Amino acid sequence: MMSTEQTFLIKYGIHNFVTYAIAGGKHIFYIRKSERHAMITHAQKLIESWYGETADIRVV
């Protein structure tokens, strides 16, 4: 069974370049730096709209 976060990544088609982890109760999303800038921005906005302040978004 997939987690809510995995379902979110797949639903919005960002699962190919965004990974998810949880640490200290904080949702951490890693976005591949090699992705196009427009897609990085798109992923950041989606994550921020769903997770707000509980998300830590890192471009690596």
N, C-alpha and C. Protein backbone atom coordinates (compact mmCIF):
# COMPACT_ATOMS: atom_id res chain seq x y z
N MET A 1 0.83 -1.18 0.00
CA MET A 1 0.00 0.00 0.00
C MET A 1 0.88 1.25 0.00
N MET A 2 0.52 2.21 -0.80
CA MET A 2 1.31 3.44 -0.91
C MET A 2 0.92 4.44 0.18
N SER A 3 1.91 5.21 0.59
CA SER A 3 1.64 6.25 1.58
C SER A 3 0.93 7.41 0.89
N THR A 4 0.38 8.28 1.70
CA THR A 4 -0.29 9.48 1.18
C THR A 4 0.69 10.31 0.35
N GLU A 5 1.93 10.40 0.82
CA GLU A 5 2.94 11.18 0.10
C GLU A 5 3.29 10.56 -1.24
N GLN A 6 3.43 9.24 -1.29
CA GLN A 6 3.72 8.56 -2.56
C GLN A 6 2.56 8.77 -3.54
N THR A 7 1.35 8.65 -3.05
CA THR A 7 0.17 8.87 -3.88
C THR A 7 0.16 10.30 -4.42
N PHE A 8 0.49 11.27 -3.58
CA PHE A 8 0.56 12.67 -3.98
C PHE A 8 1.58 12.86 -5.11
N LEU A 9 2.78 12.30 -4.95
CA LEU A 9 3.82 12.46 -5.97
C LEU A 9 3.39 11.86 -7.31
N ILE A 10 2.75 10.71 -7.26
CA ILE A 10 2.31 10.04 -8.49
C ILE A 10 1.13 10.79 -9.11
N LYS A 11 0.17 11.19 -8.30
CA LYS A 11 -1.02 11.88 -8.80
C LYS A 11 -0.64 13.12 -9.61
N TYR A 12 0.37 13.86 -9.14
CA TYR A 12 0.75 15.09 -9.82
C TYR A 12 1.94 14.91 -10.77
N GLY A 13 2.36 13.67 -10.99
CA GLY A 13 3.38 13.37 -11.98
C GLY A 13 4.77 13.88 -11.65
N ILE A 14 5.07 14.04 -10.38
CA ILE A 14 6.40 14.54 -10.01
C ILE A 14 7.25 13.45 -9.35
N HIS A 15 6.75 12.22 -9.35
CA HIS A 15 7.44 11.11 -8.70
C HIS A 15 8.75 10.73 -9.39
N ASN A 16 8.96 11.14 -10.64
CA ASN A 16 10.19 10.81 -11.34
C ASN A 16 11.38 11.65 -10.92
N PHE A 17 11.13 12.80 -10.30
CA PHE A 17 12.24 13.66 -9.91
C PHE A 17 12.12 14.22 -8.49
N VAL A 18 11.11 13.77 -7.74
CA VAL A 18 10.95 14.19 -6.34
C VAL A 18 10.87 12.94 -5.48
N THR A 19 11.64 12.93 -4.39
CA THR A 19 11.55 11.85 -3.42
C THR A 19 11.12 12.43 -2.08
N TYR A 20 10.67 11.54 -1.22
CA TYR A 20 10.08 11.96 0.05
C TYR A 20 10.70 11.21 1.22
N ALA A 21 10.85 11.91 2.33
CA ALA A 21 11.28 11.29 3.59
C ALA A 21 10.60 12.06 4.73
N ILE A 22 10.59 11.45 5.90
CA ILE A 22 10.07 12.15 7.08
C ILE A 22 11.13 12.06 8.17
N ALA A 23 11.36 13.16 8.82
CA ALA A 23 12.36 13.20 9.91
C ALA A 23 11.90 14.23 10.94
N GLY A 24 11.86 13.82 12.16
CA GLY A 24 11.46 14.73 13.24
C GLY A 24 10.08 15.31 13.06
N GLY A 25 9.18 14.54 12.44
CA GLY A 25 7.82 15.01 12.22
C GLY A 25 7.68 15.98 11.06
N LYS A 26 8.75 16.22 10.34
CA LYS A 26 8.74 17.16 9.22
C LYS A 26 8.79 16.37 7.91
N HIS A 27 7.97 16.78 6.94
CA HIS A 27 7.97 16.18 5.62
C HIS A 27 9.11 16.78 4.81
N ILE A 28 10.00 15.94 4.32
CA ILE A 28 11.14 16.42 3.54
C ILE A 28 10.99 15.92 2.10
N PHE A 29 11.00 16.85 1.18
CA PHE A 29 10.90 16.53 -0.24
C PHE A 29 12.20 16.93 -0.92
N TYR A 30 12.80 16.00 -1.64
CA TYR A 30 14.04 16.24 -2.36
C TYR A 30 13.72 16.32 -3.85
N ILE A 31 14.06 17.45 -4.45
CA ILE A 31 13.83 17.65 -5.88
C ILE A 31 15.19 17.61 -6.57
N ARG A 32 15.28 16.81 -7.63
CA ARG A 32 16.54 16.72 -8.37
C ARG A 32 16.87 18.04 -9.05
N LYS A 33 18.05 18.55 -8.81
CA LYS A 33 18.51 19.81 -9.37
C LYS A 33 18.64 19.74 -10.90
N SER A 34 18.81 18.54 -11.43
CA SER A 34 19.00 18.38 -12.88
C SER A 34 17.70 18.54 -13.67
N GLU A 35 16.57 18.62 -12.98
CA GLU A 35 15.27 18.81 -13.65
C GLU A 35 15.17 20.25 -14.17
N ARG A 36 14.34 20.44 -15.18
CA ARG A 36 14.13 21.78 -15.73
C ARG A 36 13.62 22.72 -14.64
N HIS A 37 14.05 23.97 -14.71
CA HIS A 37 13.68 24.98 -13.71
C HIS A 37 12.15 25.10 -13.57
N ALA A 38 11.44 25.08 -14.67
CA ALA A 38 9.98 25.20 -14.63
C ALA A 38 9.36 24.04 -13.85
N MET A 39 9.90 22.84 -14.00
CA MET A 39 9.36 21.69 -13.28
C MET A 39 9.71 21.75 -11.80
N ILE A 40 10.89 22.26 -11.48
CA ILE A 40 11.28 22.42 -10.07
C ILE A 40 10.32 23.40 -9.40
N THR A 41 10.06 24.52 -10.06
CA THR A 41 9.14 25.52 -9.51
C THR A 41 7.74 24.95 -9.37
N HIS A 42 7.29 24.20 -10.35
CA HIS A 42 5.97 23.57 -10.32
C HIS A 42 5.86 22.63 -9.12
N ALA A 43 6.87 21.79 -8.93
CA ALA A 43 6.86 20.84 -7.82
C ALA A 43 6.87 21.57 -6.48
N GLN A 44 7.68 22.62 -6.37
CA GLN A 44 7.74 23.39 -5.12
C GLN A 44 6.38 23.98 -4.78
N LYS A 45 5.70 24.53 -5.76
CA LYS A 45 4.39 25.14 -5.52
C LYS A 45 3.35 24.09 -5.12
N LEU A 46 3.38 22.95 -5.77
CA LEU A 46 2.45 21.87 -5.41
C LEU A 46 2.67 21.42 -3.97
N ILE A 47 3.92 21.18 -3.64
CA ILE A 47 4.25 20.71 -2.29
C ILE A 47 3.86 21.75 -1.25
N GLU A 48 4.19 23.00 -1.50
CA GLU A 48 3.84 24.07 -0.56
C GLU A 48 2.34 24.20 -0.37
N SER A 49 1.58 24.03 -1.45
CA SER A 49 0.13 24.16 -1.33
C SER A 49 -0.48 23.01 -0.54
N TRP A 50 0.11 21.82 -0.62
CA TRP A 50 -0.43 20.66 0.09
C TRP A 50 0.09 20.54 1.51
N TYR A 51 1.35 20.86 1.73
CA TYR A 51 1.98 20.60 3.02
C TYR A 51 2.31 21.85 3.81
N GLY A 52 2.31 22.99 3.18
CA GLY A 52 2.56 24.25 3.88
C GLY A 52 3.84 24.27 4.68
N GLU A 53 3.73 24.72 5.92
CA GLU A 53 4.89 24.88 6.81
C GLU A 53 5.49 23.56 7.26
N THR A 54 4.77 22.47 7.12
CA THR A 54 5.30 21.19 7.57
C THR A 54 6.26 20.59 6.54
N ALA A 55 6.40 21.22 5.38
CA ALA A 55 7.28 20.70 4.33
C ALA A 55 8.63 21.37 4.34
N ASP A 56 9.65 20.58 4.17
CA ASP A 56 11.01 21.06 3.98
C ASP A 56 11.39 20.64 2.56
N ILE A 57 11.50 21.59 1.66
CA ILE A 57 11.77 21.30 0.26
C ILE A 57 13.24 21.58 -0.02
N ARG A 58 13.92 20.57 -0.53
CA ARG A 58 15.35 20.71 -0.82
C ARG A 58 15.62 20.35 -2.28
N VAL A 59 16.32 21.23 -2.97
CA VAL A 59 16.73 20.96 -4.34
C VAL A 59 18.16 20.45 -4.27
N VAL A 60 18.36 19.21 -4.67
CA VAL A 60 19.68 18.57 -4.56
C VAL A 60 20.16 18.02 -5.88
